[in-house]
Amino acid sequence: MTDTMGFVPSAALLVVPDNRGQLADNYEVEPVALGKGGFAEVRRATVRATGAKRAVKLISKSDKNNPGLLKAEIEVMKMLDHPNVVTLFEIFEDSDTLSLVLELCSGGELEGYVEKHGNLKEPEAALATKHVMSAVRYLHSKGIVHRDIKAPNCLLLLPTGLDARQAVKLSDYGLSCHFQKGVALAQRCGTPSHMAPEIFTRNYTESVDIWSVGVMLYWMMSRRLPFGQAGPNEENAKARLQFSSSAWVNAGQDVVNIVTSMLHKDPASRLDCKKVLEHPFITKIAPKLPVGVIEDKHIEGLKNYRSLNKFKRACLNMTACMLGEAEVGPSRQLFLALDEDCNGFVSMSELVALSKAAANVTKSSKSIKKKDAIKIFKADGHEEAIQDFTFTEFIAATFNRKKCLTEKVGRVIFNSFDKNGDGCIQLSELAEGRLLGHLKAAELVQTLKDLDLNGDAEIDFKEFMAMCRE
């Protein structure tokens, strides 16, 4: 299995996905499984440095059925950084087990929520659809098609209702694959009841994900499948979409319209991601977060983040990935309020627009002028280039550093760079590139010089913590 786990840098997290240490070094794993299936089980775990809760998927390496499928799923997850996608934080491997440290979604599966509470009300269904479609839009922008979207593969972050503060997360990327615009896919895969008709004929594009979300929306509203368990297969190809059950008697025209448009059998006539997210069912009916309050601390954090060198930004990103909902939640909700087009990034225009709207609502919020916003979004090393904030970057820029960057957290990050365990970070360890990406020789030398306070050509833990607390 080791050869399938070759390192691929995670642009999303800037952490070491393939960890050389032991799972127990950084996590306290509970003995009782949350769930089991085949050669894997999921357990709850606690980050030792912060107390944050995680889910750990333990996969037995005795499963020889399809290691390539597992590798593909992991490689896809390494690429993803979005508030409506389940986050993969780290990977540990020993002789018997592959351990994936994942975001813990304590609200359980969307399917279980619907089965417990009954047919969803339109605002709840609109919110779930918006969140899943936000994830789908992000995936498609990365050239990835999911191919198995359904309620069991959507998780609720919080053990609360489907209100504006909830986050629905898309998971299970085992059938995902890369696609190219204009090039048809042919593999027949997925769950038949949620498969688009063109999958059965082995000639399809990424629009099959739109169909699957449409099936899920129909099911959330009625707990019935529009084309039965078999789906719109060859024998059932002429079946028509109907809204005849009692669940649809009082349904609004917007929800009927969006379902019909998402379940159009002609892919060319089916809504795309952007049009789904702009549909009145989403924009008018889905619950909205209160207007985000943009405070001075947020502005200073964002501005400061982009001014830091890659080493300091990597340390902040790693810290963000060790924090729990109590620390991350407010920043996550602000990110969602800012990400107006649901593409998984915060742009300069979105920050300026929301800050203006928030300033009109509350005096504690600060309106940002475009010239000041340019300083915040200026790309690293490019005076004129503007670069949006990813989800992890935004969290890393806005969490409370004084509270969260403790010595315990600092030690974990320091050890990630100190590969030989001698208590110091040398230039050669910075140059490995696992955490920093590609750095030119001059950048490496300058990074070491900036942090090496005593001039001994290496960074000790005291110097490292001094940098963290600046």
Protein backbone atom coordinates (compact mmCIF):
# COMPACT_ATOMS: atom_id res chain seq x y z
CA MET A 1 0.00 0.00 0.00
CA THR A 2 2.89 2.35 0.70
CA ASP A 3 3.63 2.90 -2.98
CA THR A 4 0.06 4.10 -3.49
CA MET A 5 0.50 6.76 -0.84
CA GLY A 6 3.22 8.75 -2.56
CA PHE A 7 3.25 12.36 -1.38
CA VAL A 8 1.13 14.84 -3.28
CA PRO A 9 1.19 18.32 -1.71
CA SER A 10 -2.17 19.45 -0.39
CA ALA A 11 -2.79 22.95 -1.69
CA ALA A 12 -5.76 23.11 0.63
CA LEU A 13 -4.15 22.34 3.95
CA LEU A 14 -0.40 22.73 3.59
CA VAL A 15 0.08 19.93 6.08
CA VAL A 16 1.88 16.61 5.63
CA PRO A 17 -0.87 14.26 4.40
CA ASP A 18 1.38 11.19 4.78
CA ASN A 19 2.51 11.46 8.40
CA ARG A 20 5.70 9.70 9.46
CA GLY A 21 4.72 9.65 13.13
CA GLN A 22 2.19 7.52 14.99
CA LEU A 23 -1.52 8.29 15.16
CA ALA A 24 -1.46 8.01 18.96
CA ASP A 25 1.24 10.69 19.19
CA ASN A 26 -1.17 13.42 18.13
CA TYR A 27 -4.62 11.90 18.69
CA GLU A 28 -6.43 10.12 21.49
CA VAL A 29 -8.62 7.59 19.67
CA GLU A 30 -11.72 6.22 21.39
CA PRO A 31 -11.96 2.40 21.54
CA VAL A 32 -15.61 2.13 20.46
CA ALA A 33 -16.32 2.44 16.74
CA LEU A 34 -18.90 4.93 15.47
CA GLY A 35 -19.50 2.69 12.48
CA LYS A 36 -18.09 -0.34 10.68
CA GLY A 37 -18.17 -1.63 7.15
CA GLY A 38 -16.09 -4.18 5.24
CA PHE A 39 -12.42 -3.64 6.04
CA ALA A 40 -12.84 -0.23 7.69
CA GLU A 41 -14.25 1.36 10.81
CA VAL A 42 -14.66 4.94 12.01
CA ARG A 43 -13.81 6.10 15.52
CA ARG A 44 -14.00 9.43 17.30
CA ALA A 45 -10.65 11.00 18.21
CA THR A 46 -9.38 14.06 20.06
CA VAL A 47 -6.48 16.27 18.95
CA ARG A 48 -4.12 16.11 21.93
CA ALA A 49 -2.81 19.65 21.43
CA THR A 50 -6.18 21.42 21.24
CA GLY A 51 -8.97 19.08 22.34
CA ALA A 52 -10.65 19.37 18.92
CA LYS A 53 -12.76 16.39 17.87
CA ARG A 54 -12.08 14.39 14.72
CA ALA A 55 -13.25 11.22 12.99
CA VAL A 56 -10.58 8.63 12.18
CA LYS A 57 -11.26 6.09 9.45
CA LEU A 58 -9.16 2.99 10.12
CA ILE A 59 -8.69 0.92 6.96
CA SER A 60 -7.23 -2.57 7.21
CA LYS A 61 -4.44 -3.13 4.69
CA SER A 62 -5.53 -6.76 4.41
CA ASP A 63 -8.21 -5.50 2.01
CA LYS A 64 -6.66 -6.18 -1.38
CA ASN A 65 -9.88 -5.67 -3.36
CA ASN A 66 -9.18 -2.32 -4.94
CA PRO A 67 -6.24 -0.31 -3.57
CA GLY A 68 -6.36 1.86 -6.69
CA LEU A 69 -9.87 3.02 -5.80
CA LEU A 70 -8.75 4.01 -2.30
CA LYS A 71 -5.74 5.83 -3.69
CA ALA A 72 -7.94 7.77 -6.11
CA GLU A 73 -10.34 8.78 -3.33
CA ILE A 74 -7.50 10.02 -1.12
CA GLU A 75 -5.85 11.95 -3.93
CA VAL A 76 -9.15 13.70 -4.68
CA MET A 77 -9.69 14.60 -1.03
CA LYS A 78 -6.19 16.08 -0.78
CA MET A 79 -7.19 18.62 -3.42
CA LEU A 80 -10.31 19.88 -1.66
CA ASP A 81 -10.71 22.88 0.63
CA HIS A 82 -14.32 23.99 0.94
CA PRO A 83 -16.73 24.55 3.87
CA ASN A 84 -19.23 22.08 2.37
CA VAL A 85 -16.71 19.29 1.76
CA VAL A 86 -15.58 16.89 4.50
CA THR A 87 -11.95 17.78 5.23
CA LEU A 88 -9.12 15.25 5.20
CA PHE A 89 -6.56 16.50 7.74
CA GLU A 90 -3.84 13.85 7.91
CA ILE A 91 -2.91 10.32 6.88
CA PHE A 92 -1.04 7.85 9.09
CA GLU A 93 0.16 4.44 7.99
CA ASP A 94 1.69 1.46 9.77
CA SER A 95 2.20 -2.17 8.77
CA ASP A 96 -1.46 -3.08 9.30
CA THR A 97 -3.62 0.02 9.03
CA LEU A 98 -4.12 3.15 6.99
CA SER A 99 -5.66 5.89 9.17
CA LEU A 100 -7.45 8.88 7.66
CA VAL A 101 -8.05 11.78 10.05
CA LEU A 102 -11.25 13.48 8.92
CA GLU A 103 -13.58 16.25 9.98
CA LEU A 104 -16.10 14.96 12.53
CA CYS A 105 -19.67 15.62 11.44
CA SER A 106 -21.58 15.04 14.66
CA GLY A 107 -25.00 15.62 13.08
CA GLY A 108 -24.79 12.34 11.18
CA GLU A 109 -26.05 11.55 7.70
CA LEU A 110 -28.61 13.72 5.96
CA GLU A 111 -30.56 10.54 5.22
CA GLY A 112 -30.89 9.80 8.95
CA TYR A 113 -32.02 13.36 9.65
CA VAL A 114 -34.80 13.14 7.05
CA GLU A 115 -35.88 9.68 8.20
CA LYS A 116 -36.11 10.97 11.78
CA HIS A 117 -37.87 14.28 11.09
CA GLY A 118 -39.95 13.36 8.05
CA ASN A 119 -40.32 15.25 4.78
CA LEU A 120 -38.29 18.44 4.94
CA LYS A 121 -39.86 21.84 4.83
CA GLU A 122 -38.85 23.91 1.84
CA PRO A 123 -36.35 26.15 3.71
CA GLU A 124 -34.56 23.06 5.08
CA ALA A 125 -34.48 21.36 1.68
CA ALA A 126 -33.29 24.59 0.04
CA LEU A 127 -30.45 24.95 2.55
CA ALA A 128 -29.27 21.36 2.08
CA THR A 129 -29.46 21.74 -1.70
CA LYS A 130 -27.54 25.02 -1.60
CA HIS A 131 -24.73 23.54 0.49
CA VAL A 132 -24.38 20.40 -1.61
CA MET A 133 -24.52 22.39 -4.85
CA SER A 134 -21.85 24.75 -3.50
CA ALA A 135 -19.62 21.71 -3.01
CA VAL A 136 -20.50 20.41 -6.49
CA ARG A 137 -19.70 23.76 -8.10
CA TYR A 138 -16.34 23.74 -6.35
CA LEU A 139 -15.61 20.14 -7.41
CA HIS A 140 -16.46 20.89 -11.03
CA SER A 141 -14.21 23.97 -10.98
CA LYS A 142 -11.40 21.57 -9.99
CA GLY A 143 -12.27 19.21 -12.85
CA ILE A 144 -13.76 16.57 -10.53
CA VAL A 145 -17.13 14.84 -10.90
CA HIS A 146 -18.50 13.05 -7.81
CA ARG A 147 -20.82 10.45 -9.43
CA ASP A 148 -22.45 9.19 -6.23
CA ILE A 149 -24.30 12.09 -4.61
CA LYS A 150 -27.13 10.94 -2.34
CA ALA A 151 -28.39 11.67 1.17
CA PRO A 152 -26.24 8.99 2.90
CA ASN A 153 -23.14 10.68 1.44
CA CYS A 154 -24.07 14.10 2.85
CA LEU A 155 -23.22 14.78 6.49
CA LEU A 156 -24.35 17.41 8.99
CA LEU A 157 -21.49 19.16 10.76
CA LEU A 158 -23.52 20.06 13.86
CA PRO A 159 -26.04 18.00 15.90
CA THR A 160 -28.67 20.67 15.34
CA GLY A 161 -31.43 21.36 12.84
CA LEU A 162 -31.10 22.45 9.23
CA ASP A 163 -30.92 26.15 10.01
CA ALA A 164 -28.61 28.86 8.69
CA ARG A 165 -25.78 27.94 11.08
CA GLN A 166 -25.69 24.31 9.98
CA ALA A 167 -23.18 23.05 7.41
CA VAL A 168 -24.06 20.16 5.11
CA LYS A 169 -20.91 18.42 3.90
CA LEU A 170 -20.42 16.23 0.83
CA SER A 171 -18.39 13.07 1.51
CA ASP A 172 -17.46 9.68 0.00
CA TYR A 173 -15.30 10.33 -3.05
CA GLY A 174 -14.68 6.69 -3.97
CA LEU A 175 -16.38 7.01 -7.37
CA SER A 176 -15.10 10.50 -8.13
CA CYS A 177 -12.89 11.06 -11.13
CA HIS A 178 -11.30 13.84 -13.12
CA PHE A 179 -12.95 15.09 -16.28
CA GLN A 180 -12.15 17.40 -19.16
CA LYS A 181 -14.67 19.82 -20.59
CA GLY A 182 -16.19 18.45 -23.77
CA VAL A 183 -14.85 14.92 -23.23
CA ALA A 184 -17.52 12.33 -22.42
CA LEU A 185 -17.16 9.78 -19.62
CA ALA A 186 -18.21 6.17 -20.15
CA GLN A 187 -17.85 4.20 -16.90
CA ARG A 188 -21.20 3.04 -15.60
CA CYS A 189 -21.13 3.65 -11.85
CA GLY A 190 -23.08 5.16 -8.98
CA THR A 191 -26.31 4.33 -7.16
CA PRO A 192 -28.97 3.41 -9.79
CA SER A 193 -31.79 5.38 -8.15
CA HIS A 194 -29.67 8.57 -8.33
CA MET A 195 -27.94 7.94 -11.67
CA ALA A 196 -28.70 10.20 -14.63
CA PRO A 197 -30.14 8.45 -17.71
CA GLU A 198 -27.02 9.14 -19.77
CA ILE A 199 -24.88 7.10 -17.34
CA PHE A 200 -26.87 4.02 -18.32
CA THR A 201 -25.91 4.65 -21.96
CA ARG A 202 -22.25 5.29 -21.01
CA ASN A 203 -21.98 8.76 -22.53
CA TYR A 204 -22.09 11.55 -19.98
CA THR A 205 -20.48 14.67 -18.50
CA GLU A 206 -20.23 16.28 -15.07
CA SER A 207 -23.90 17.33 -15.32
CA VAL A 208 -24.80 13.91 -13.90
CA ASP A 209 -24.05 15.42 -10.47
CA ILE A 210 -26.81 17.99 -11.01
CA TRP A 211 -29.24 15.15 -11.72
CA SER A 212 -28.23 13.33 -8.53
CA VAL A 213 -28.79 16.42 -6.38
CA GLY A 214 -32.17 16.85 -8.09
CA VAL A 215 -33.11 13.27 -7.13
CA MET A 216 -31.97 13.96 -3.57
CA LEU A 217 -34.05 17.15 -3.40
CA TYR A 218 -37.12 15.27 -4.66
CA TRP A 219 -36.51 12.61 -1.99
CA MET A 220 -35.99 15.18 0.82
CA MET A 221 -39.36 16.72 0.01
CA SER A 222 -41.32 13.47 -0.32
CA ARG A 223 -39.15 10.54 0.85
CA ARG A 224 -39.84 8.96 -2.52
CA LEU A 225 -37.49 8.38 -5.45
CA PRO A 226 -38.66 10.01 -8.70
CA PHE A 227 -37.76 6.97 -10.83
CA GLY A 228 -37.71 4.21 -8.21
CA GLN A 229 -34.76 2.15 -6.99
CA ALA A 230 -33.77 1.19 -10.54
CA GLY A 231 -33.54 4.79 -11.71
CA PRO A 232 -34.09 5.93 -15.31
CA ASN A 233 -32.44 2.84 -16.81
CA GLU A 234 -32.99 1.45 -20.30
CA GLU A 235 -36.27 -0.26 -19.35
CA ASN A 236 -37.47 2.83 -17.50
CA ALA A 237 -36.12 5.43 -19.92
CA LYS A 238 -39.52 6.80 -20.95
CA ALA A 239 -40.82 7.22 -17.39
CA ARG A 240 -42.01 10.76 -16.70
CA LEU A 241 -41.27 12.88 -13.66
CA GLN A 242 -44.41 13.22 -11.56
CA PHE A 243 -45.42 15.25 -8.50
CA SER A 244 -48.58 13.29 -7.72
CA SER A 245 -47.93 12.20 -4.12
CA SER A 246 -49.53 14.05 -1.21
CA ALA A 247 -46.14 15.52 -0.26
CA TRP A 248 -46.31 17.81 -3.29
CA VAL A 249 -49.86 19.10 -2.81
CA ASN A 250 -48.77 22.26 -1.01
CA ALA A 251 -45.32 22.56 -2.58
CA GLY A 252 -44.38 25.94 -3.98
CA GLN A 253 -43.83 26.52 -7.67
CA ASP A 254 -40.14 27.31 -7.12
CA VAL A 255 -39.28 23.87 -5.72
CA VAL A 256 -41.27 22.08 -8.43
CA ASN A 257 -39.54 24.19 -11.07
CA ILE A 258 -36.01 23.61 -9.81
CA VAL A 259 -36.53 19.85 -9.45
CA THR A 260 -37.95 19.67 -12.97
CA SER A 261 -35.02 21.68 -14.36
CA MET A 262 -32.41 19.58 -12.54
CA LEU A 263 -34.04 16.32 -13.66
CA HIS A 264 -34.25 17.21 -17.33
CA LYS A 265 -33.33 14.06 -19.25
CA ASP A 266 -31.50 16.08 -21.88
CA PRO A 267 -28.20 17.12 -20.23
CA ALA A 268 -27.95 20.14 -22.52
CA SER A 269 -31.25 21.45 -21.11
CA ARG A 270 -30.42 20.67 -17.49
CA LEU A 271 -29.49 23.54 -15.17
CA ASP A 272 -25.77 24.00 -14.52
CA CYS A 273 -24.31 24.66 -11.06
CA LYS A 274 -24.39 28.43 -11.36
CA LYS A 275 -28.02 28.50 -12.46
CA VAL A 276 -29.08 26.13 -9.69
CA LEU A 277 -27.46 28.37 -7.08
CA GLU A 278 -29.07 31.44 -8.65
CA HIS A 279 -32.55 29.86 -8.74
CA PRO A 280 -35.23 31.58 -6.58
CA PHE A 281 -35.69 28.37 -4.60
CA ILE A 282 -32.12 28.82 -3.34
CA THR A 283 -31.78 32.61 -3.22
CA LYS A 284 -35.19 33.35 -1.68
CA ILE A 285 -36.12 30.28 0.36
CA ALA A 286 -32.85 28.94 1.83
CA PRO A 287 -32.22 30.43 5.31
CA LYS A 288 -29.50 33.07 5.35
CA LEU A 289 -26.92 33.84 7.99
CA PRO A 290 -27.17 37.28 9.59
CA VAL A 291 -25.14 39.92 7.78
CA GLY A 292 -21.55 39.18 8.76
CA VAL A 293 -19.89 41.72 11.01
CA ILE A 294 -16.50 42.71 9.58
CA GLU A 295 -14.43 43.85 12.53
CA ASP A 296 -11.02 45.51 12.63
CA LYS A 297 -9.48 42.25 13.87
CA HIS A 298 -10.70 40.44 10.74
CA ILE A 299 -9.28 43.09 8.42
CA GLU A 300 -5.94 43.16 10.22
CA GLY A 301 -5.76 39.37 10.25
CA LEU A 302 -6.40 39.09 6.52
CA LYS A 303 -3.96 41.88 5.70
CA ASN A 304 -1.29 40.44 7.98
CA TYR A 305 -1.69 36.91 6.57
CA ARG A 306 -0.83 37.96 3.03
CA SER A 307 2.20 39.93 4.25
CA LEU A 308 3.76 36.86 5.91
CA ASN A 309 6.33 34.59 4.29
CA LYS A 310 5.35 31.06 3.26
CA PHE A 311 6.76 29.49 6.42
CA LYS A 312 4.65 31.64 8.74
CA ARG A 313 1.54 31.13 6.61
CA ALA A 314 2.10 27.37 6.64
CA CYS A 315 2.29 27.44 10.45
CA LEU A 316 -0.99 29.35 10.67
CA ASN A 317 -2.64 26.93 8.23
CA MET A 318 -1.48 23.97 10.29
CA THR A 319 -2.80 25.59 13.46
CA ALA A 320 -6.18 26.18 11.80
CA CYS A 321 -6.33 22.48 10.95
CA MET A 322 -5.91 21.53 14.62
CA LEU A 323 -8.72 23.75 15.93
CA GLY A 324 -12.25 22.75 16.88
CA GLU A 325 -15.66 24.17 16.05
CA ALA A 326 -15.58 26.63 18.98
CA GLU A 327 -12.55 28.36 17.47
CA VAL A 328 -13.32 27.85 13.78
CA GLY A 329 -17.12 28.24 13.77
CA PRO A 330 -17.34 32.07 13.78
CA SER A 331 -14.79 32.36 10.96
CA ARG A 332 -16.54 29.61 8.98
CA GLN A 333 -19.87 31.42 9.23
CA LEU A 334 -18.27 34.71 8.20
CA PHE A 335 -16.68 32.95 5.22
CA LEU A 336 -20.06 31.53 4.16
CA ALA A 337 -21.67 34.96 4.50
CA LEU A 338 -18.93 36.47 2.33
CA ASP A 339 -18.91 33.75 -0.34
CA GLU A 340 -21.95 35.14 -2.12
CA ASP A 341 -21.49 33.14 -5.34
CA CYS A 342 -20.83 29.88 -3.42
CA ASN A 343 -17.64 29.07 -5.36
CA GLY A 344 -15.58 28.27 -2.25
CA PHE A 345 -13.46 31.44 -2.28
CA VAL A 346 -13.77 34.93 -0.82
CA SER A 347 -13.06 37.58 -3.43
CA MET A 348 -12.17 41.22 -3.03
CA SER A 349 -15.52 42.35 -4.43
CA GLU A 350 -17.39 40.08 -2.00
CA LEU A 351 -15.50 41.48 1.00
CA VAL A 352 -16.09 45.08 -0.08
CA ALA A 353 -19.80 44.46 -0.75
CA LEU A 354 -20.49 42.67 2.53
CA SER A 355 -18.51 45.17 4.59
CA LYS A 356 -20.61 47.97 3.13
CA ALA A 357 -23.86 46.10 3.85
CA ALA A 358 -22.74 45.22 7.38
CA ALA A 359 -21.70 48.80 8.14
CA ASN A 360 -25.24 49.90 7.33
CA VAL A 361 -26.61 47.42 9.88
CA THR A 362 -24.24 47.80 12.82
CA LYS A 363 -21.72 50.40 13.93
CA SER A 364 -19.27 47.70 15.05
CA SER A 365 -18.75 46.60 11.45
CA LYS A 366 -16.23 48.36 9.27
CA SER A 367 -16.79 49.33 5.64
CA ILE A 368 -13.77 48.63 3.45
CA LYS A 369 -12.75 50.80 0.53
CA LYS A 370 -11.46 49.17 -2.64
CA LYS A 371 -7.97 50.67 -2.29
CA ASP A 372 -7.66 49.12 1.18
CA ALA A 373 -9.06 45.80 -0.04
CA ILE A 374 -6.37 45.63 -2.71
CA LYS A 375 -3.73 45.53 0.04
CA ILE A 376 -5.53 42.59 1.66
CA PHE A 377 -5.88 40.55 -1.54
CA LYS A 378 -2.49 41.29 -3.07
CA ALA A 379 -0.99 37.98 -4.18
CA ASP A 380 2.30 36.79 -2.73
CA GLY A 381 5.20 38.35 -4.59
CA HIS A 382 3.01 40.06 -7.19
CA GLU A 383 2.41 43.77 -6.75
CA GLU A 384 -0.49 43.94 -9.19
CA ALA A 385 -2.05 40.47 -8.89
CA ILE A 386 -5.17 39.93 -6.79
CA GLN A 387 -5.73 36.52 -5.20
CA ASP A 388 -8.90 35.24 -3.53
CA PHE A 389 -8.80 33.61 -0.09
CA THR A 390 -9.38 29.86 0.14
CA PHE A 391 -11.39 28.50 3.06
CA THR A 392 -8.34 27.35 5.06
CA GLU A 393 -6.48 30.59 4.36
CA PHE A 394 -9.44 32.58 5.62
CA ILE A 395 -9.66 30.52 8.83
CA ALA A 396 -5.89 30.77 9.33
CA ALA A 397 -6.01 34.54 8.89
CA THR A 398 -8.90 35.20 11.27
CA PHE A 399 -8.66 32.81 14.25
CA ASN A 400 -7.51 34.17 17.63
CA ARG A 401 -3.75 33.62 17.50
CA LYS A 402 -3.04 34.60 21.10
CA LYS A 403 -5.56 32.07 22.36
CA CYS A 404 -4.93 29.23 19.92
CA LEU A 405 -1.17 29.28 19.26
CA THR A 406 -0.21 27.56 22.50
CA GLU A 407 3.09 25.81 23.18
CA LYS A 408 1.37 22.43 22.68
CA VAL A 409 0.21 23.49 19.23
CA GLY A 410 3.60 25.04 18.48
CA ARG A 411 5.37 21.82 19.42
CA VAL A 412 3.28 19.76 16.97
CA ILE A 413 4.00 22.20 14.14
CA PHE A 414 7.68 22.46 15.05
CA ASN A 415 8.05 18.68 15.03
CA SER A 416 6.50 18.55 11.56
CA PHE A 417 9.46 20.54 10.27
CA ASP A 418 12.09 18.99 12.56
CA LYS A 419 12.30 15.76 10.59
CA ASN A 420 15.41 14.35 12.28
CA GLY A 421 14.12 15.12 15.78
CA ASP A 422 17.23 16.96 16.95
CA GLY A 423 15.26 19.90 18.38
CA CYS A 424 16.20 22.35 15.63
CA ILE A 425 15.01 23.17 12.11
CA GLN A 426 17.84 23.37 9.60
CA LEU A 427 17.88 24.82 6.10
CA SER A 428 17.79 21.32 4.62
CA GLU A 429 14.55 20.56 6.49
CA LEU A 430 12.93 23.76 5.25
CA ALA A 431 14.01 22.81 1.73
CA GLU A 432 12.19 19.45 1.78
CA GLY A 433 9.12 21.29 0.53
CA ARG A 434 6.49 19.08 2.12
CA LEU A 435 4.93 21.99 3.94
CA LEU A 436 6.08 25.03 2.04
CA GLY A 437 5.82 23.96 -1.57
CA HIS A 438 8.60 25.07 -3.90
CA LEU A 439 10.82 27.78 -2.46
CA LYS A 440 13.74 29.37 -4.25
CA ALA A 441 17.13 29.15 -2.54
CA ALA A 442 17.08 32.86 -1.74
CA GLU A 443 13.64 32.53 -0.10
CA LEU A 444 14.83 29.62 2.04
CA VAL A 445 17.90 31.50 3.21
CA GLN A 446 15.86 34.60 4.01
CA THR A 447 13.24 32.56 5.91
CA LEU A 448 15.95 31.01 8.08
CA LYS A 449 17.61 34.39 8.61
CA ASP A 450 14.32 36.01 9.67
CA LEU A 451 13.72 33.42 12.39
CA ASP A 452 17.26 32.64 13.54
CA LEU A 453 17.57 35.12 16.39
CA ASN A 454 20.90 33.88 17.79
CA GLY A 455 22.67 33.47 14.44
CA ASP A 456 23.51 29.76 14.72
CA ALA A 457 22.03 28.95 11.27
CA GLU A 458 19.11 26.93 12.66
CA ILE A 459 15.76 27.54 14.34
CA ASP A 460 15.23 26.21 17.84
CA PHE A 461 11.85 25.90 19.55
CA LYS A 462 12.24 29.15 21.49
CA GLU A 463 12.89 31.07 18.27
CA PHE A 464 9.99 29.27 16.61
CA MET A 465 7.53 30.24 19.36
CA ALA A 466 8.78 33.83 19.27
CA MET A 467 7.80 33.90 15.59
CA CYS A 468 4.38 32.40 16.35
CA ARG A 469 3.65 35.04 18.98
CA GLU A 470 4.63 38.06 16.91
